[in-house]
């Protein structure tokens, strides 16, 4: 097995193990047994996207929304008490979640490529959804989705022991590939309440702290 194949196996096995360890067996079972040639090539040619995670089909992610929220946003993590989930997540009109649109994702399983880096400064202070969309289109970027955020915030908390991925003070983020009409979903960790907070609104000039993580999506089917 060459180095690239080995890395691809590691990414797939790490993703599978994450879902199993968090009692999300339905999602683990929906991952492919091996990455396709396209998936392996994507891992090899990541460019400045230095992290990857394999996700099951969006349809299954949506079906498991309740389990993802309860398991990844509230169950205890092996971290310091100050970083612990001390309260249930605050989600604006959680009963509306089934109506949320997921954009730019394939029907089947896929590799999500992203960066071990703060949100780019050019993604902050975008005065409208159209301007943020234009920036991402010009850079050939995808954004994060609601369900991907649930996974990655927990993954980074457990890996780093803190909420550097989505901390309110410097990492408030838009999730550009999840939206309600012309409203974008946004999320952050509130350190005072020790909880994740998720809402949706139209981007405006007042959102000076809020940025967005670029991603690349590679279909595996």
N, C-alpha and C. Protein backbone atom coordinates (compact mmCIF):
# COMPACT_ATOMS: atom_id res chain seq x y z
N UNK A 1 0.86 -1.20 0.00
CA UNK A 1 0.00 0.00 0.00
C UNK A 1 0.89 1.24 0.00
N UNK A 2 0.67 2.17 -0.97
CA UNK A 2 1.49 3.36 -1.00
C UNK A 2 0.99 4.37 0.03
N UNK A 3 1.75 5.47 0.18
CA UNK A 3 1.43 6.45 1.22
C UNK A 3 0.06 7.07 1.03
N UNK A 4 -0.29 7.36 -0.23
CA UNK A 4 -1.58 7.99 -0.50
C UNK A 4 -2.72 7.05 -0.14
N UNK A 5 -2.61 5.78 -0.55
CA UNK A 5 -3.64 4.81 -0.20
C UNK A 5 -3.75 4.67 1.31
N UNK A 6 -2.60 4.68 2.00
CA UNK A 6 -2.63 4.57 3.45
C UNK A 6 -3.33 5.74 4.09
N UNK A 7 -3.09 6.95 3.59
CA UNK A 7 -3.75 8.13 4.12
C UNK A 7 -5.25 8.05 3.88
N UNK A 8 -5.64 7.59 2.70
CA UNK A 8 -7.07 7.46 2.38
C UNK A 8 -7.74 6.48 3.33
N UNK A 9 -7.07 5.37 3.61
CA UNK A 9 -7.62 4.38 4.54
C UNK A 9 -7.76 5.00 5.92
N UNK A 10 -6.76 5.76 6.36
CA UNK A 10 -6.81 6.40 7.67
C UNK A 10 -8.00 7.35 7.77
N UNK A 11 -8.22 8.17 6.76
CA UNK A 11 -9.32 9.12 6.77
C UNK A 11 -10.65 8.40 6.86
N UNK A 12 -10.81 7.36 6.09
CA UNK A 12 -12.05 6.60 6.11
C UNK A 12 -12.24 5.90 7.45
N UNK A 13 -11.20 5.26 7.96
CA UNK A 13 -11.33 4.55 9.24
C UNK A 13 -11.55 5.52 10.40
N UNK A 14 -10.91 6.68 10.35
CA UNK A 14 -11.12 7.68 11.40
C UNK A 14 -12.56 8.19 11.40
N UNK A 15 -13.11 8.40 10.22
CA UNK A 15 -14.50 8.87 10.11
C UNK A 15 -15.45 7.80 10.61
N UNK A 16 -15.19 6.56 10.22
CA UNK A 16 -16.03 5.43 10.65
C UNK A 16 -15.99 5.30 12.17
N UNK A 17 -14.79 5.38 12.73
CA UNK A 17 -14.63 5.22 14.18
C UNK A 17 -15.32 6.36 14.93
N UNK A 18 -15.24 7.58 14.41
CA UNK A 18 -15.89 8.71 15.06
C UNK A 18 -17.39 8.45 15.21
N UNK A 19 -18.04 8.04 14.15
CA UNK A 19 -19.48 7.79 14.22
C UNK A 19 -19.80 6.65 15.18
N UNK A 20 -19.00 5.58 15.15
CA UNK A 20 -19.26 4.46 16.05
C UNK A 20 -19.07 4.87 17.51
N UNK A 21 -18.01 5.60 17.80
CA UNK A 21 -17.73 6.00 19.18
C UNK A 21 -18.80 6.92 19.75
N UNK A 22 -19.54 7.58 18.87
CA UNK A 22 -20.60 8.49 19.32
C UNK A 22 -21.99 7.89 19.11
N UNK A 23 -22.02 6.58 19.01
CA UNK A 23 -23.28 5.83 18.92
C UNK A 23 -24.14 6.29 17.75
N UNK A 24 -23.46 6.54 16.65
CA UNK A 24 -24.13 6.92 15.40
C UNK A 24 -23.86 5.85 14.36
N UNK A 25 -24.22 4.62 14.73
CA UNK A 25 -23.92 3.47 13.89
C UNK A 25 -24.58 3.51 12.53
N UNK A 26 -25.75 4.11 12.44
CA UNK A 26 -26.43 4.21 11.14
C UNK A 26 -25.58 5.00 10.15
N UNK A 27 -24.94 6.06 10.63
CA UNK A 27 -24.09 6.86 9.76
C UNK A 27 -22.79 6.13 9.44
N UNK A 28 -22.23 5.44 10.41
CA UNK A 28 -21.01 4.67 10.17
C UNK A 28 -21.25 3.60 9.11
N UNK A 29 -22.39 2.92 9.21
CA UNK A 29 -22.69 1.83 8.28
C UNK A 29 -22.89 2.32 6.85
N UNK A 30 -23.19 3.60 6.68
CA UNK A 30 -23.44 4.15 5.35
C UNK A 30 -22.18 4.63 4.65
N UNK A 31 -21.03 4.58 5.34
CA UNK A 31 -19.78 4.96 4.70
C UNK A 31 -19.31 3.85 3.78
N UNK A 32 -18.61 4.19 2.71
CA UNK A 32 -18.09 3.15 1.81
C UNK A 32 -17.03 2.31 2.51
N UNK A 33 -16.86 1.09 2.06
CA UNK A 33 -15.84 0.22 2.66
C UNK A 33 -14.43 0.66 2.26
N UNK A 34 -14.33 1.29 1.12
CA UNK A 34 -13.03 1.83 0.68
C UNK A 34 -13.29 3.06 -0.17
N UNK A 35 -12.30 3.93 -0.24
CA UNK A 35 -12.43 5.12 -1.07
C UNK A 35 -12.23 4.76 -2.54
N UNK A 36 -13.00 5.39 -3.39
CA UNK A 36 -12.86 5.21 -4.82
C UNK A 36 -11.56 5.85 -5.29
N UNK A 37 -11.21 5.60 -6.55
CA UNK A 37 -10.02 6.24 -7.13
C UNK A 37 -10.15 7.76 -7.08
N UNK A 38 -11.37 8.26 -7.30
CA UNK A 38 -11.60 9.70 -7.23
C UNK A 38 -11.34 10.20 -5.81
N UNK A 39 -11.82 9.46 -4.83
CA UNK A 39 -11.60 9.85 -3.44
C UNK A 39 -10.13 9.84 -3.06
N UNK A 40 -9.41 8.81 -3.51
CA UNK A 40 -7.97 8.74 -3.20
C UNK A 40 -7.22 9.89 -3.87
N UNK A 41 -7.61 10.21 -5.10
CA UNK A 41 -6.97 11.32 -5.80
C UNK A 41 -7.22 12.64 -5.08
N UNK A 42 -8.43 12.78 -4.54
CA UNK A 42 -8.76 14.01 -3.81
C UNK A 42 -7.89 14.16 -2.57
N UNK A 43 -7.65 13.05 -1.88
CA UNK A 43 -6.79 13.09 -0.70
C UNK A 43 -5.36 13.46 -1.09
N UNK A 44 -4.93 12.97 -2.26
CA UNK A 44 -3.57 13.23 -2.72
C UNK A 44 -3.39 14.69 -3.16
N UNK A 45 -4.44 15.27 -3.74
CA UNK A 45 -4.32 16.60 -4.34
C UNK A 45 -5.16 17.61 -3.56
N UNK A 46 -4.94 17.68 -2.27
CA UNK A 46 -5.76 18.56 -1.44
C UNK A 46 -5.35 20.02 -1.53
N UNK A 47 -4.15 20.30 -2.04
CA UNK A 47 -3.69 21.69 -2.08
C UNK A 47 -3.56 22.23 -0.67
N UNK A 48 -4.21 23.38 -0.39
CA UNK A 48 -4.11 23.97 0.94
C UNK A 48 -5.22 23.49 1.87
N UNK A 49 -5.97 22.48 1.44
CA UNK A 49 -6.96 21.86 2.32
C UNK A 49 -6.29 20.65 2.97
N UNK A 50 -5.93 20.80 4.25
CA UNK A 50 -5.07 19.81 4.89
C UNK A 50 -5.81 18.86 5.83
N UNK A 51 -7.14 18.92 5.86
CA UNK A 51 -7.93 18.02 6.69
C UNK A 51 -9.04 17.40 5.85
N UNK A 52 -9.48 16.23 6.25
CA UNK A 52 -10.53 15.56 5.49
C UNK A 52 -11.38 14.69 6.42
N UNK A 53 -12.64 14.53 6.04
CA UNK A 53 -13.56 13.67 6.78
C UNK A 53 -14.53 13.10 5.76
N UNK A 54 -14.90 11.84 5.95
CA UNK A 54 -15.83 11.18 5.03
C UNK A 54 -17.23 11.20 5.64
N UNK A 55 -18.18 11.72 4.89
CA UNK A 55 -19.57 11.83 5.36
C UNK A 55 -20.48 10.90 4.57
N UNK A 56 -21.49 10.36 5.24
CA UNK A 56 -22.50 9.54 4.56
C UNK A 56 -23.44 10.43 3.75
N UNK A 57 -24.35 9.86 2.99
CA UNK A 57 -25.28 10.67 2.20
C UNK A 57 -26.04 11.69 3.05
N UNK A 58 -26.30 12.85 2.46
CA UNK A 58 -27.00 13.92 3.16
C UNK A 58 -28.36 13.45 3.67
N UNK A 59 -29.03 12.62 2.90
CA UNK A 59 -30.35 12.13 3.31
C UNK A 59 -30.28 11.47 4.68
N UNK A 60 -29.24 10.65 4.90
CA UNK A 60 -29.10 9.99 6.19
C UNK A 60 -28.70 10.97 7.29
N UNK A 61 -27.86 11.92 6.95
CA UNK A 61 -27.51 12.94 7.94
C UNK A 61 -28.76 13.66 8.44
N UNK A 62 -29.64 14.00 7.50
CA UNK A 62 -30.87 14.71 7.88
C UNK A 62 -31.76 13.82 8.74
N UNK A 63 -31.85 12.54 8.38
CA UNK A 63 -32.68 11.62 9.16
C UNK A 63 -32.16 11.47 10.58
N UNK A 64 -30.85 11.63 10.77
CA UNK A 64 -30.23 11.46 12.08
C UNK A 64 -29.98 12.80 12.79
N UNK A 65 -30.67 13.85 12.37
CA UNK A 65 -30.44 15.17 12.96
C UNK A 65 -30.59 15.16 14.48
N UNK A 66 -31.66 14.57 14.98
CA UNK A 66 -31.89 14.54 16.42
C UNK A 66 -30.77 13.85 17.16
N UNK A 67 -30.33 12.71 16.64
CA UNK A 67 -29.25 11.96 17.28
C UNK A 67 -27.94 12.74 17.23
N UNK A 68 -27.67 13.39 16.11
CA UNK A 68 -26.44 14.19 15.99
C UNK A 68 -26.42 15.32 17.00
N UNK A 69 -27.55 16.00 17.16
CA UNK A 69 -27.62 17.12 18.11
C UNK A 69 -27.43 16.63 19.54
N UNK A 70 -28.17 15.62 19.94
CA UNK A 70 -28.11 15.16 21.33
C UNK A 70 -26.75 14.56 21.67
N UNK A 71 -26.14 13.87 20.71
CA UNK A 71 -24.87 13.20 20.97
C UNK A 71 -23.68 14.15 20.88
N UNK A 72 -23.68 15.01 19.88
CA UNK A 72 -22.49 15.81 19.60
C UNK A 72 -22.52 17.21 20.21
N UNK A 73 -23.69 17.71 20.60
CA UNK A 73 -23.78 19.05 21.15
C UNK A 73 -24.09 19.08 22.64
N UNK A 74 -24.26 17.92 23.25
CA UNK A 74 -24.66 17.95 24.66
C UNK A 74 -24.03 16.86 25.51
N UNK A 75 -23.76 15.70 24.95
CA UNK A 75 -23.19 14.63 25.77
C UNK A 75 -21.78 15.01 26.22
N UNK A 76 -21.37 14.58 27.42
CA UNK A 76 -20.08 14.98 27.97
C UNK A 76 -18.91 14.59 27.08
N UNK A 77 -17.89 15.42 27.08
CA UNK A 77 -16.65 15.15 26.36
C UNK A 77 -15.51 15.07 27.37
N UNK A 78 -14.44 14.40 26.99
CA UNK A 78 -13.29 14.24 27.88
C UNK A 78 -12.41 15.49 27.78
N UNK A 79 -12.92 16.60 28.32
CA UNK A 79 -12.21 17.88 28.28
C UNK A 79 -12.34 18.57 29.63
N UNK A 80 -11.61 19.66 29.81
CA UNK A 80 -11.68 20.44 31.04
C UNK A 80 -13.11 20.93 31.27
N UNK A 81 -13.46 21.10 32.53
CA UNK A 81 -14.83 21.51 32.88
C UNK A 81 -15.22 22.83 32.21
N UNK A 82 -14.28 23.74 32.03
CA UNK A 82 -14.60 25.03 31.43
C UNK A 82 -14.94 24.92 29.94
N UNK A 83 -14.57 23.80 29.32
CA UNK A 83 -14.85 23.59 27.90
C UNK A 83 -16.02 22.63 27.70
N UNK A 84 -16.56 22.14 28.80
CA UNK A 84 -17.62 21.13 28.74
C UNK A 84 -18.94 21.73 28.28
N UNK A 85 -19.78 20.91 27.64
CA UNK A 85 -21.14 21.32 27.31
C UNK A 85 -21.94 21.35 28.62
N UNK A 86 -22.17 22.54 29.15
CA UNK A 86 -22.87 22.67 30.43
C UNK A 86 -24.36 22.89 30.25
N UNK A 87 -24.79 23.15 29.04
CA UNK A 87 -26.21 23.41 28.77
C UNK A 87 -26.57 22.83 27.41
N UNK A 88 -27.85 22.58 27.23
CA UNK A 88 -28.31 22.11 25.94
C UNK A 88 -28.07 23.19 24.88
N UNK A 89 -27.85 22.80 23.63
CA UNK A 89 -27.61 23.80 22.60
C UNK A 89 -28.83 24.70 22.41
N UNK A 90 -28.57 25.95 22.05
CA UNK A 90 -29.64 26.86 21.68
C UNK A 90 -29.75 26.85 20.17
N UNK A 91 -30.91 26.46 19.66
CA UNK A 91 -31.14 26.42 18.22
C UNK A 91 -32.40 27.21 17.92
N UNK A 92 -32.28 28.22 17.09
CA UNK A 92 -33.42 29.05 16.72
C UNK A 92 -34.48 28.20 16.04
N UNK A 93 -35.66 28.13 16.65
CA UNK A 93 -36.79 27.41 16.04
C UNK A 93 -36.37 26.03 15.56
N UNK A 94 -35.92 25.20 16.50
CA UNK A 94 -35.43 23.87 16.15
C UNK A 94 -36.46 23.05 15.38
N UNK A 95 -37.74 23.34 15.61
CA UNK A 95 -38.78 22.59 14.91
C UNK A 95 -38.78 22.87 13.41
N UNK A 96 -38.08 23.93 12.97
CA UNK A 96 -38.00 24.26 11.54
C UNK A 96 -36.86 23.53 10.83
N UNK A 97 -36.02 22.81 11.56
CA UNK A 97 -34.84 22.19 10.95
C UNK A 97 -35.16 21.30 9.75
N UNK A 98 -36.27 20.55 9.74
CA UNK A 98 -36.55 19.73 8.56
C UNK A 98 -36.68 20.53 7.27
N UNK A 99 -36.98 21.82 7.37
CA UNK A 99 -37.14 22.65 6.17
C UNK A 99 -35.82 23.26 5.70
N UNK A 100 -34.75 23.03 6.41
CA UNK A 100 -33.46 23.60 6.04
C UNK A 100 -32.95 22.99 4.75
N UNK A 101 -32.43 23.82 3.87
CA UNK A 101 -31.90 23.37 2.58
C UNK A 101 -30.41 23.09 2.70
N UNK A 102 -29.98 21.96 2.16
CA UNK A 102 -28.56 21.64 2.06
C UNK A 102 -28.14 21.77 0.60
N UNK A 103 -27.11 22.54 0.35
CA UNK A 103 -26.70 22.85 -1.03
C UNK A 103 -25.36 22.21 -1.36
N UNK A 104 -25.14 22.01 -2.66
CA UNK A 104 -23.82 21.66 -3.20
C UNK A 104 -23.25 20.37 -2.63
N UNK A 105 -24.13 19.40 -2.38
CA UNK A 105 -23.66 18.11 -1.91
C UNK A 105 -24.21 17.01 -2.83
N UNK A 106 -23.40 15.94 -3.05
CA UNK A 106 -23.87 14.83 -3.89
C UNK A 106 -24.93 14.01 -3.17
N UNK A 107 -25.56 13.11 -3.91
CA UNK A 107 -26.59 12.25 -3.31
C UNK A 107 -25.98 11.19 -2.41
N UNK A 108 -24.77 10.76 -2.73
CA UNK A 108 -24.14 9.69 -1.97
C UNK A 108 -23.10 10.18 -0.98
N UNK A 109 -22.26 9.25 -0.52
CA UNK A 109 -21.18 9.59 0.42
C UNK A 109 -20.16 10.50 -0.27
N UNK A 110 -19.42 11.25 0.54
CA UNK A 110 -18.46 12.19 -0.04
C UNK A 110 -17.34 12.49 0.96
N UNK A 111 -16.23 12.95 0.42
CA UNK A 111 -15.12 13.44 1.23
C UNK A 111 -15.25 14.95 1.36
N UNK A 112 -15.17 15.45 2.58
CA UNK A 112 -15.14 16.89 2.82
C UNK A 112 -13.70 17.29 3.14
N UNK A 113 -13.12 18.14 2.31
CA UNK A 113 -11.79 18.68 2.54
C UNK A 113 -11.93 20.06 3.17
N UNK A 114 -11.15 20.32 4.22
CA UNK A 114 -11.22 21.62 4.88
C UNK A 114 -9.84 21.96 5.46
N UNK A 115 -9.73 23.08 6.12
CA UNK A 115 -8.43 23.57 6.57
C UNK A 115 -8.30 23.59 8.08
N UNK A 116 -7.10 23.29 8.54
CA UNK A 116 -6.75 23.51 9.94
C UNK A 116 -6.26 24.95 10.05
N UNK A 117 -7.21 25.88 10.05
CA UNK A 117 -6.86 27.31 10.04
C UNK A 117 -8.08 28.11 10.47
N UNK A 118 -7.88 29.33 10.96
CA UNK A 118 -9.02 30.20 11.26
C UNK A 118 -9.82 30.51 10.00
N UNK A 119 -11.05 30.98 10.18
CA UNK A 119 -11.83 31.38 9.01
C UNK A 119 -11.09 32.52 8.30
N UNK A 120 -11.01 32.50 6.98
CA UNK A 120 -10.27 33.54 6.26
C UNK A 120 -10.86 34.93 6.51
N UNK A 121 -10.02 35.92 6.70
CA UNK A 121 -10.53 37.27 6.99
C UNK A 121 -11.42 37.82 5.88
N UNK A 122 -11.18 37.42 4.64
CA UNK A 122 -11.99 37.96 3.55
C UNK A 122 -13.42 37.45 3.57
N UNK A 123 -13.69 36.41 4.38
CA UNK A 123 -15.07 35.92 4.48
C UNK A 123 -15.87 36.67 5.54
N UNK A 124 -15.21 37.51 6.31
CA UNK A 124 -15.91 38.28 7.35
C UNK A 124 -16.50 39.57 6.76
N UNK A 125 -17.49 40.08 7.45
CA UNK A 125 -18.08 41.38 7.11
C UNK A 125 -18.69 41.43 5.72
N UNK A 126 -19.08 40.28 5.18
CA UNK A 126 -19.78 40.29 3.90
C UNK A 126 -21.18 40.85 4.10
N UNK A 127 -21.53 41.86 3.32
CA UNK A 127 -22.75 42.62 3.58
C UNK A 127 -24.01 41.96 3.05
N UNK A 128 -23.87 40.86 2.31
CA UNK A 128 -25.05 40.19 1.79
C UNK A 128 -24.74 38.74 1.47
N UNK A 129 -25.79 37.94 1.38
CA UNK A 129 -25.63 36.54 0.99
C UNK A 129 -25.01 36.45 -0.40
N UNK A 130 -25.45 37.31 -1.31
CA UNK A 130 -24.95 37.27 -2.69
C UNK A 130 -23.44 37.52 -2.73
N UNK A 131 -22.95 38.46 -1.91
CA UNK A 131 -21.51 38.75 -1.90
C UNK A 131 -20.71 37.58 -1.35
N UNK A 132 -21.24 36.95 -0.30
CA UNK A 132 -20.55 35.78 0.24
C UNK A 132 -20.57 34.65 -0.78
N UNK A 133 -21.70 34.43 -1.43
CA UNK A 133 -21.79 33.39 -2.46
C UNK A 133 -20.81 33.68 -3.60
N UNK A 134 -20.70 34.94 -3.99
CA UNK A 134 -19.81 35.31 -5.09
C UNK A 134 -18.35 35.04 -4.73
N UNK A 135 -17.99 35.39 -3.50
CA UNK A 135 -16.62 35.13 -3.04
C UNK A 135 -16.30 33.65 -3.11
N UNK A 136 -17.20 32.82 -2.61
CA UNK A 136 -16.96 31.38 -2.61
C UNK A 136 -16.93 30.82 -4.03
N UNK A 137 -17.79 31.31 -4.89
CA UNK A 137 -17.79 30.85 -6.28
C UNK A 137 -16.49 31.23 -6.99
N UNK A 138 -16.02 32.44 -6.76
CA UNK A 138 -14.78 32.89 -7.41
C UNK A 138 -13.57 32.08 -6.96
N UNK A 139 -13.60 31.62 -5.71
CA UNK A 139 -12.48 30.84 -5.17
C UNK A 139 -12.67 29.33 -5.39
N UNK A 140 -13.78 28.96 -6.00
CA UNK A 140 -14.12 27.55 -6.20
C UNK A 140 -14.19 26.82 -4.86
N UNK A 141 -14.82 27.46 -3.88
CA UNK A 141 -14.99 26.90 -2.55
C UNK A 141 -16.42 26.42 -2.36
N UNK A 142 -16.58 25.41 -1.55
CA UNK A 142 -17.86 25.12 -0.91
C UNK A 142 -17.79 25.69 0.51
N UNK A 143 -18.93 25.66 1.21
CA UNK A 143 -18.94 26.03 2.62
C UNK A 143 -19.24 24.81 3.47
N UNK A 144 -19.40 25.01 4.74
CA UNK A 144 -19.86 23.94 5.63
C UNK A 144 -21.38 23.88 5.62
N UNK A 145 -21.91 22.72 5.97
CA UNK A 145 -23.34 22.57 6.21
C UNK A 145 -23.59 22.46 7.72
N UNK A 146 -24.83 22.56 8.09
CA UNK A 146 -25.25 22.41 9.49
C UNK A 146 -24.76 21.09 10.07
N UNK A 147 -25.01 20.00 9.36
CA UNK A 147 -24.66 18.67 9.89
C UNK A 147 -23.15 18.47 9.95
N UNK A 148 -22.43 18.99 8.96
CA UNK A 148 -20.96 18.90 8.99
C UNK A 148 -20.41 19.68 10.18
N UNK A 149 -20.98 20.82 10.45
CA UNK A 149 -20.55 21.61 11.61
C UNK A 149 -20.73 20.82 12.90
N UNK A 150 -21.87 20.14 13.06
CA UNK A 150 -22.09 19.35 14.27
C UNK A 150 -20.96 18.36 14.49
N UNK A 151 -20.54 17.71 13.42
CA UNK A 151 -19.47 16.71 13.51
C UNK A 151 -18.12 17.38 13.80
N UNK A 152 -17.77 18.39 13.03
CA UNK A 152 -16.43 18.96 13.13
C UNK A 152 -16.19 19.70 14.44
N UNK A 153 -17.22 20.38 14.97
CA UNK A 153 -17.00 21.07 16.24
C UNK A 153 -16.68 20.07 17.35
N UNK A 154 -17.34 18.91 17.31
CA UNK A 154 -17.07 17.87 18.32
C UNK A 154 -15.71 17.22 18.07
N UNK A 155 -15.41 16.94 16.83
CA UNK A 155 -14.13 16.34 16.48
C UNK A 155 -12.97 17.20 16.95
N UNK A 156 -13.06 18.52 16.73
CA UNK A 156 -11.99 19.41 17.13
C UNK A 156 -11.95 19.62 18.64
N UNK A 157 -13.09 19.63 19.28
CA UNK A 157 -13.10 19.72 20.74
C UNK A 157 -12.35 18.54 21.35
N UNK A 158 -12.65 17.35 20.86
CA UNK A 158 -12.03 16.15 21.42
C UNK A 158 -10.55 16.07 21.05
N UNK A 159 -10.17 16.59 19.89
CA UNK A 159 -8.78 16.53 19.45
C UNK A 159 -7.91 17.57 20.16
N UNK A 160 -8.47 18.77 20.38
CA UNK A 160 -7.68 19.90 20.91
C UNK A 160 -7.97 20.21 22.37
N UNK A 161 -9.12 19.74 22.87
CA UNK A 161 -9.49 20.01 24.25
C UNK A 161 -10.12 21.37 24.48
N UNK A 162 -10.42 22.10 23.40
CA UNK A 162 -11.06 23.40 23.54
C UNK A 162 -11.90 23.69 22.29
N UNK A 163 -12.55 24.85 22.31
CA UNK A 163 -13.48 25.20 21.23
C UNK A 163 -12.86 26.20 20.25
N UNK A 164 -11.61 26.02 19.93
CA UNK A 164 -10.95 26.93 18.99
C UNK A 164 -11.61 26.92 17.62
N UNK A 165 -12.27 25.82 17.27
CA UNK A 165 -12.89 25.70 15.95
C UNK A 165 -14.02 26.70 15.75
N UNK A 166 -14.78 26.99 16.82
CA UNK A 166 -16.01 27.79 16.65
C UNK A 166 -16.26 28.76 17.81
N UNK A 167 -15.20 29.20 18.48
CA UNK A 167 -15.34 30.06 19.65
C UNK A 167 -15.96 31.40 19.28
N UNK A 168 -16.86 31.89 20.13
CA UNK A 168 -17.61 33.12 19.86
C UNK A 168 -16.71 34.32 19.57
N UNK A 169 -15.62 34.46 20.33
CA UNK A 169 -14.79 35.66 20.24
C UNK A 169 -14.09 35.82 18.89
N UNK A 170 -13.78 34.72 18.22
CA UNK A 170 -12.99 34.86 17.00
C UNK A 170 -13.36 33.89 15.89
N UNK A 171 -14.29 32.97 16.15
CA UNK A 171 -14.61 31.97 15.14
C UNK A 171 -16.11 31.80 14.92
N UNK A 172 -16.88 32.86 15.15
CA UNK A 172 -18.29 32.78 14.75
C UNK A 172 -18.33 32.49 13.25
N UNK A 173 -19.23 31.64 12.82
CA UNK A 173 -19.17 31.25 11.42
C UNK A 173 -20.53 31.12 10.76
N UNK A 174 -20.54 31.50 9.49
CA UNK A 174 -21.64 31.15 8.60
C UNK A 174 -21.45 29.71 8.15
N UNK A 175 -22.55 29.04 7.89
CA UNK A 175 -22.54 27.71 7.28
C UNK A 175 -23.20 27.87 5.91
N UNK A 176 -22.46 28.35 4.90
CA UNK A 176 -23.07 28.81 3.65
C UNK A 176 -23.84 27.76 2.87
N UNK A 177 -23.56 26.48 3.10
CA UNK A 177 -24.27 25.46 2.34
C UNK A 177 -25.48 24.90 3.08
N UNK A 178 -25.89 25.59 4.14
CA UNK A 178 -27.18 25.32 4.80
C UNK A 178 -27.92 26.64 4.92
N UNK A 179 -29.17 26.67 4.49
CA UNK A 179 -29.91 27.93 4.51
C UNK A 179 -31.41 27.71 4.49
N UNK A 180 -32.08 28.75 4.91
CA UNK A 180 -33.54 28.81 4.83
C UNK A 180 -33.87 29.95 3.86
N UNK A 181 -34.16 29.62 2.62
CA UNK A 181 -34.40 30.66 1.63
C UNK A 181 -33.17 31.54 1.47
N UNK A 182 -33.31 32.85 1.73
CA UNK A 182 -32.17 33.76 1.62
C UNK A 182 -31.45 33.97 2.95
N UNK A 183 -31.78 33.16 3.94
CA UNK A 183 -31.13 33.25 5.25
C UNK A 183 -30.09 32.15 5.39
N UNK A 184 -28.89 32.54 5.83
CA UNK A 184 -27.82 31.57 6.03
C UNK A 184 -27.80 31.10 7.48
N UNK A 185 -27.47 29.84 7.66
CA UNK A 185 -27.31 29.29 9.00
C UNK A 185 -25.96 29.76 9.56
N UNK A 186 -25.93 30.08 10.85
CA UNK A 186 -24.68 30.47 11.51
C UNK A 186 -24.57 29.74 12.85
N UNK A 187 -23.34 29.60 13.35
CA UNK A 187 -23.12 28.82 14.58
C UNK A 187 -21.88 29.31 15.30
N UNK A 188 -21.85 29.08 16.62
CA UNK A 188 -20.67 29.38 17.42
C UNK A 188 -20.80 28.71 18.79
N UNK A 189 -19.67 28.67 19.48
CA UNK A 189 -19.62 28.23 20.88
C UNK A 189 -19.71 29.46 21.76
N UNK A 190 -20.67 29.47 22.68
CA UNK A 190 -20.82 30.56 23.65
C UNK A 190 -20.09 30.16 24.93
N UNK A 191 -18.94 30.77 25.24
CA UNK A 191 -18.15 30.33 26.39
C UNK A 191 -18.80 30.66 27.73
N UNK A 192 -19.62 31.70 27.79
CA UNK A 192 -20.27 32.06 29.05
C UNK A 192 -21.37 31.06 29.39
N UNK A 193 -22.20 30.74 28.42
CA UNK A 193 -23.28 29.77 28.65
C UNK A 193 -22.79 28.34 28.51
N UNK A 194 -21.57 28.17 27.97
CA UNK A 194 -20.99 26.85 27.70
C UNK A 194 -21.96 25.98 26.89
N UNK A 195 -22.32 26.52 25.75
CA UNK A 195 -23.22 25.79 24.86
C UNK A 195 -22.97 26.24 23.42
N UNK A 196 -23.39 25.41 22.49
CA UNK A 196 -23.39 25.76 21.07
C UNK A 196 -24.68 26.51 20.77
N UNK A 197 -24.57 27.55 19.95
CA UNK A 197 -25.74 28.34 19.56
C UNK A 197 -25.81 28.40 18.04
N UNK A 198 -26.99 28.12 17.50
CA UNK A 198 -27.18 28.03 16.05
C UNK A 198 -28.43 28.80 15.67
N UNK A 199 -28.31 29.64 14.66
CA UNK A 199 -29.46 30.40 14.17
C UNK A 199 -29.36 30.59 12.68
N UNK A 200 -30.18 31.49 12.14
CA UNK A 200 -30.11 31.81 10.72
C UNK A 200 -30.66 33.21 10.50
N UNK A 201 -30.04 33.92 9.57
CA UNK A 201 -30.44 35.29 9.25
C UNK A 201 -29.79 35.68 7.94
N UNK A 202 -30.09 36.89 7.48
CA UNK A 202 -29.45 37.42 6.29
C UNK A 202 -28.12 38.08 6.68
N UNK A 203 -27.03 37.80 5.96
CA UNK A 203 -25.78 38.50 6.25
C UNK A 203 -25.95 40.00 6.11
N UNK A 204 -25.29 40.75 6.99
CA UNK A 204 -25.37 42.21 6.95
C UNK A 204 -24.06 42.80 7.45
N UNK A 205 -23.88 44.09 7.27
CA UNK A 205 -22.64 44.75 7.66
C UNK A 205 -22.35 44.62 9.15
N UNK A 206 -23.40 44.48 9.94
CA UNK A 206 -23.19 44.41 11.39
C UNK A 206 -22.53 43.10 11.83
N UNK A 207 -22.48 42.11 10.96
CA UNK A 207 -21.91 40.81 11.33
C UNK A 207 -20.40 40.82 11.07
N UNK A 208 -19.70 41.71 11.74
CA UNK A 208 -18.28 41.91 11.45
C UNK A 208 -17.40 40.75 11.89
N UNK A 209 -17.84 39.98 12.89
CA UNK A 209 -17.00 38.89 13.40
C UNK A 209 -17.25 37.58 12.68
N UNK A 210 -18.33 37.48 11.97
CA UNK A 210 -18.76 36.19 11.44
C UNK A 210 -18.09 35.91 10.09
N UNK A 211 -17.41 34.78 9.99
CA UNK A 211 -16.77 34.37 8.74
C UNK A 211 -17.26 33.00 8.32
N UNK A 212 -16.52 32.35 7.43
CA UNK A 212 -16.95 31.03 6.94
C UNK A 212 -15.74 30.20 6.56
N UNK A 213 -15.77 28.93 6.94
CA UNK A 213 -14.71 28.00 6.56
C UNK A 213 -14.89 27.57 5.11
N UNK A 214 -13.86 27.70 4.27
CA UNK A 214 -13.92 27.12 2.92
C UNK A 214 -13.77 25.61 2.98
N UNK A 215 -14.41 24.92 2.07
CA UNK A 215 -14.28 23.47 1.96
C UNK A 215 -14.25 23.09 0.48
N UNK A 216 -13.90 21.84 0.23
CA UNK A 216 -14.06 21.23 -1.08
C UNK A 216 -14.78 19.90 -0.86
N UNK A 217 -15.65 19.56 -1.78
CA UNK A 217 -16.47 18.36 -1.66
C UNK A 217 -16.16 17.43 -2.83
N UNK A 218 -15.88 16.17 -2.52
CA UNK A 218 -15.58 15.17 -3.55
C UNK A 218 -16.55 14.02 -3.42
N UNK A 219 -17.40 13.83 -4.43
CA UNK A 219 -18.37 12.74 -4.42
C UNK A 219 -17.65 11.40 -4.55
N UNK A 220 -18.14 10.38 -3.87
CA UNK A 220 -17.51 9.06 -3.89
C UNK A 220 -18.29 8.05 -4.72
N UNK A 221 -19.47 8.40 -5.18
CA UNK A 221 -20.27 7.47 -6.00
C UNK A 221 -20.20 7.86 -7.47
